[in-house]
């Protein structure tokens, strides 16, 4: 169940980003997209840890940390603008 929710959050994030990119011609990362993506990856990591799949869980955590760094940078840059 956690795995499915994580995937749904990632898909929702991509839908938001796709809409912003195609419909609004906005090429910047959307905070909603990044937030949903980070939350989804985190839930995938939890689900894989619960299944005792340490390698996949570690990779999912890396997939959580990298966009989290981007999210922090985007927030910091928006505050500075």
N, C-alpha and C. Protein backbone atom coordinates (compact mmCIF):
# COMPACT_ATOMS: atom_id res chain seq x y z
N UNK A 1 0.83 -1.20 0.00
CA UNK A 1 0.00 0.00 0.00
C UNK A 1 0.87 1.26 0.00
N UNK A 2 1.91 1.29 0.84
CA UNK A 2 2.80 2.45 0.89
C UNK A 2 3.47 2.65 -0.46
N UNK A 3 3.89 1.54 -1.07
CA UNK A 3 4.54 1.60 -2.37
C UNK A 3 3.61 2.22 -3.41
N UNK A 4 2.35 1.81 -3.41
CA UNK A 4 1.37 2.33 -4.36
C UNK A 4 1.12 3.81 -4.15
N UNK A 5 1.00 4.24 -2.91
CA UNK A 5 0.80 5.66 -2.60
C UNK A 5 2.00 6.46 -3.08
N UNK A 6 3.20 5.93 -2.85
CA UNK A 6 4.41 6.61 -3.32
C UNK A 6 4.40 6.80 -4.82
N UNK A 7 4.04 5.75 -5.55
CA UNK A 7 3.98 5.86 -7.01
C UNK A 7 2.91 6.85 -7.46
N UNK A 8 1.77 6.87 -6.77
CA UNK A 8 0.71 7.82 -7.11
C UNK A 8 1.20 9.25 -6.91
N UNK A 9 1.93 9.51 -5.82
CA UNK A 9 2.47 10.86 -5.58
C UNK A 9 3.46 11.26 -6.66
N UNK A 10 4.31 10.33 -7.07
CA UNK A 10 5.27 10.64 -8.13
C UNK A 10 4.55 10.95 -9.44
N UNK A 11 3.54 10.15 -9.78
CA UNK A 11 2.77 10.39 -11.00
C UNK A 11 2.04 11.73 -10.92
N UNK A 12 1.45 12.04 -9.77
CA UNK A 12 0.75 13.32 -9.60
C UNK A 12 1.73 14.49 -9.78
N UNK A 13 2.91 14.34 -9.22
CA UNK A 13 3.92 15.39 -9.38
C UNK A 13 4.28 15.61 -10.84
N UNK A 14 4.47 14.52 -11.57
CA UNK A 14 4.80 14.64 -12.98
C UNK A 14 3.65 15.24 -13.78
N UNK A 15 2.41 14.95 -13.42
CA UNK A 15 1.26 15.55 -14.10
C UNK A 15 1.25 17.06 -13.88
N UNK A 16 1.50 17.49 -12.65
CA UNK A 16 1.57 18.93 -12.35
C UNK A 16 2.67 19.58 -13.17
N UNK A 17 3.85 18.97 -13.19
CA UNK A 17 4.98 19.54 -13.93
C UNK A 17 4.70 19.56 -15.43
N UNK A 18 4.09 18.51 -15.95
CA UNK A 18 3.76 18.44 -17.37
C UNK A 18 2.77 19.54 -17.74
N UNK A 19 1.75 19.75 -16.92
CA UNK A 19 0.77 20.81 -17.16
C UNK A 19 1.45 22.17 -17.18
N UNK A 20 2.29 22.42 -16.17
CA UNK A 20 2.97 23.73 -16.10
C UNK A 20 3.89 23.94 -17.29
N UNK A 21 4.53 22.88 -17.75
CA UNK A 21 5.46 23.01 -18.86
C UNK A 21 4.73 23.19 -20.19
N UNK A 22 3.73 22.36 -20.45
CA UNK A 22 3.06 22.39 -21.75
C UNK A 22 1.99 23.48 -21.85
N UNK A 23 1.14 23.58 -20.85
CA UNK A 23 0.02 24.52 -20.93
C UNK A 23 0.44 25.95 -20.61
N UNK A 24 1.30 26.10 -19.63
CA UNK A 24 1.69 27.45 -19.21
C UNK A 24 3.05 27.88 -19.75
N UNK A 25 3.72 26.99 -20.47
CA UNK A 25 5.04 27.27 -21.05
C UNK A 25 6.05 27.70 -19.98
N UNK A 26 5.89 27.16 -18.78
CA UNK A 26 6.78 27.46 -17.66
C UNK A 26 7.84 26.37 -17.59
N UNK A 27 9.09 26.72 -17.85
CA UNK A 27 10.16 25.73 -17.90
C UNK A 27 10.88 25.54 -16.57
N UNK A 28 10.45 26.24 -15.54
CA UNK A 28 11.09 26.10 -14.23
C UNK A 28 10.49 24.93 -13.46
N UNK A 29 11.29 24.40 -12.51
CA UNK A 29 10.77 23.35 -11.64
C UNK A 29 9.67 23.92 -10.76
N UNK A 30 8.61 23.17 -10.62
CA UNK A 30 7.49 23.56 -9.79
C UNK A 30 7.69 22.99 -8.40
N UNK A 31 7.44 23.80 -7.36
CA UNK A 31 7.60 23.34 -5.99
C UNK A 31 6.65 22.19 -5.65
N UNK A 32 5.44 22.22 -6.21
CA UNK A 32 4.48 21.14 -5.97
C UNK A 32 5.02 19.84 -6.55
N UNK A 33 5.54 19.91 -7.77
CA UNK A 33 6.13 18.72 -8.40
C UNK A 33 7.24 18.15 -7.54
N UNK A 34 8.18 19.01 -7.16
CA UNK A 34 9.32 18.53 -6.37
C UNK A 34 8.88 17.95 -5.04
N UNK A 35 7.91 18.60 -4.40
CA UNK A 35 7.42 18.11 -3.10
C UNK A 35 6.76 16.74 -3.23
N UNK A 36 5.89 16.59 -4.24
CA UNK A 36 5.23 15.30 -4.46
C UNK A 36 6.24 14.22 -4.83
N UNK A 37 7.21 14.58 -5.64
CA UNK A 37 8.22 13.62 -6.06
C UNK A 37 9.05 13.14 -4.87
N UNK A 38 9.48 14.07 -4.03
CA UNK A 38 10.26 13.71 -2.83
C UNK A 38 9.43 12.82 -1.91
N UNK A 39 8.17 13.20 -1.67
CA UNK A 39 7.31 12.40 -0.79
C UNK A 39 7.09 11.01 -1.37
N UNK A 40 6.87 10.92 -2.67
CA UNK A 40 6.67 9.63 -3.31
C UNK A 40 7.90 8.74 -3.22
N UNK A 41 9.07 9.30 -3.49
CA UNK A 41 10.31 8.53 -3.39
C UNK A 41 10.56 8.07 -1.96
N UNK A 42 10.25 8.92 -1.00
CA UNK A 42 10.43 8.56 0.41
C UNK A 42 9.53 7.37 0.78
N UNK A 43 8.28 7.41 0.32
CA UNK A 43 7.37 6.30 0.60
C UNK A 43 7.83 5.01 -0.09
N UNK A 44 8.37 5.14 -1.30
CA UNK A 44 8.92 3.96 -1.96
C UNK A 44 10.09 3.38 -1.17
N UNK A 45 10.92 4.25 -0.62
CA UNK A 45 12.05 3.79 0.19
C UNK A 45 11.56 3.06 1.43
N UNK A 46 10.55 3.61 2.09
CA UNK A 46 9.99 2.95 3.28
C UNK A 46 9.44 1.58 2.91
N UNK A 47 8.68 1.52 1.81
CA UNK A 47 8.09 0.25 1.39
C UNK A 47 9.15 -0.80 1.09
N UNK A 48 10.23 -0.38 0.42
CA UNK A 48 11.26 -1.36 0.10
C UNK A 48 12.07 -1.76 1.33
N UNK A 49 12.25 -0.85 2.28
CA UNK A 49 12.88 -1.24 3.55
C UNK A 49 12.02 -2.25 4.29
N UNK A 50 10.70 -2.05 4.26
CA UNK A 50 9.79 -2.98 4.93
C UNK A 50 9.83 -4.36 4.28
N UNK A 51 10.15 -4.40 2.99
CA UNK A 51 10.26 -5.67 2.29
C UNK A 51 11.67 -6.26 2.41
N UNK A 52 12.50 -5.59 3.19
CA UNK A 52 13.88 -6.02 3.45
C UNK A 52 14.74 -6.04 2.18
N UNK A 53 14.42 -5.14 1.27
CA UNK A 53 15.21 -4.99 0.04
C UNK A 53 16.11 -3.77 0.21
N UNK A 54 17.24 -3.99 0.85
CA UNK A 54 18.12 -2.89 1.25
C UNK A 54 18.70 -2.15 0.05
N UNK A 55 19.07 -2.86 -0.99
CA UNK A 55 19.67 -2.20 -2.15
C UNK A 55 18.66 -1.26 -2.82
N UNK A 56 17.46 -1.74 -3.07
CA UNK A 56 16.43 -0.88 -3.68
C UNK A 56 16.07 0.27 -2.76
N UNK A 57 15.98 0.01 -1.47
CA UNK A 57 15.65 1.07 -0.51
C UNK A 57 16.73 2.14 -0.50
N UNK A 58 17.98 1.73 -0.55
CA UNK A 58 19.08 2.70 -0.58
C UNK A 58 19.02 3.54 -1.84
N UNK A 59 18.76 2.91 -2.96
CA UNK A 59 18.62 3.66 -4.22
C UNK A 59 17.43 4.62 -4.16
N UNK A 60 16.33 4.18 -3.54
CA UNK A 60 15.17 5.06 -3.39
C UNK A 60 15.50 6.25 -2.49
N UNK A 61 16.28 6.02 -1.45
CA UNK A 61 16.69 7.13 -0.58
C UNK A 61 17.55 8.13 -1.35
N UNK A 62 18.43 7.63 -2.20
CA UNK A 62 19.22 8.53 -3.04
C UNK A 62 18.30 9.32 -3.96
N UNK A 63 17.29 8.64 -4.51
CA UNK A 63 16.30 9.32 -5.36
C UNK A 63 15.45 10.30 -4.57
N UNK A 64 15.42 10.19 -3.27
CA UNK A 64 14.72 11.14 -2.41
C UNK A 64 15.62 12.33 -2.10
N UNK A 65 16.87 12.06 -1.80
CA UNK A 65 17.80 13.11 -1.38
C UNK A 65 18.13 14.08 -2.51
N UNK A 66 18.35 13.57 -3.72
CA UNK A 66 18.74 14.44 -4.83
C UNK A 66 17.68 15.49 -5.16
N UNK A 67 16.40 15.12 -5.35
CA UNK A 67 15.42 16.18 -5.61
C UNK A 67 15.15 17.04 -4.37
N UNK A 68 15.42 16.51 -3.18
CA UNK A 68 15.28 17.32 -1.97
C UNK A 68 16.31 18.45 -1.98
N UNK A 69 17.51 18.16 -2.47
CA UNK A 69 18.53 19.20 -2.61
C UNK A 69 18.08 20.25 -3.63
N UNK A 70 17.51 19.78 -4.75
CA UNK A 70 16.99 20.71 -5.76
C UNK A 70 15.86 21.55 -5.18
N UNK A 71 14.96 20.93 -4.42
CA UNK A 71 13.85 21.65 -3.79
C UNK A 71 14.38 22.73 -2.85
N UNK A 72 15.36 22.40 -2.04
CA UNK A 72 15.95 23.39 -1.12
C UNK A 72 16.58 24.54 -1.90
N UNK A 73 17.26 24.23 -2.99
CA UNK A 73 17.89 25.27 -3.80
C UNK A 73 16.84 26.17 -4.45
N UNK A 74 15.76 25.58 -4.96
CA UNK A 74 14.70 26.37 -5.60
C UNK A 74 14.05 27.30 -4.57
N UNK A 75 13.77 26.79 -3.39
CA UNK A 75 13.18 27.62 -2.33
C UNK A 75 14.12 28.75 -1.96
N UNK A 76 15.40 28.42 -1.80
CA UNK A 76 16.39 29.44 -1.43
C UNK A 76 16.49 30.51 -2.51
N UNK A 77 16.52 30.10 -3.78
CA UNK A 77 16.62 31.06 -4.88
C UNK A 77 15.37 31.91 -5.00
N UNK A 78 14.19 31.33 -4.74
CA UNK A 78 12.95 32.11 -4.81
C UNK A 78 12.90 33.16 -3.70
N UNK A 79 13.43 32.81 -2.53
CA UNK A 79 13.45 33.78 -1.43
C UNK A 79 14.42 34.91 -1.72
N UNK A 80 15.49 34.61 -2.46
CA UNK A 80 16.49 35.62 -2.79
C UNK A 80 16.06 36.52 -3.94
N UNK A 81 15.07 36.09 -4.71
CA UNK A 81 14.64 36.87 -5.89
C UNK A 81 13.73 38.00 -5.51
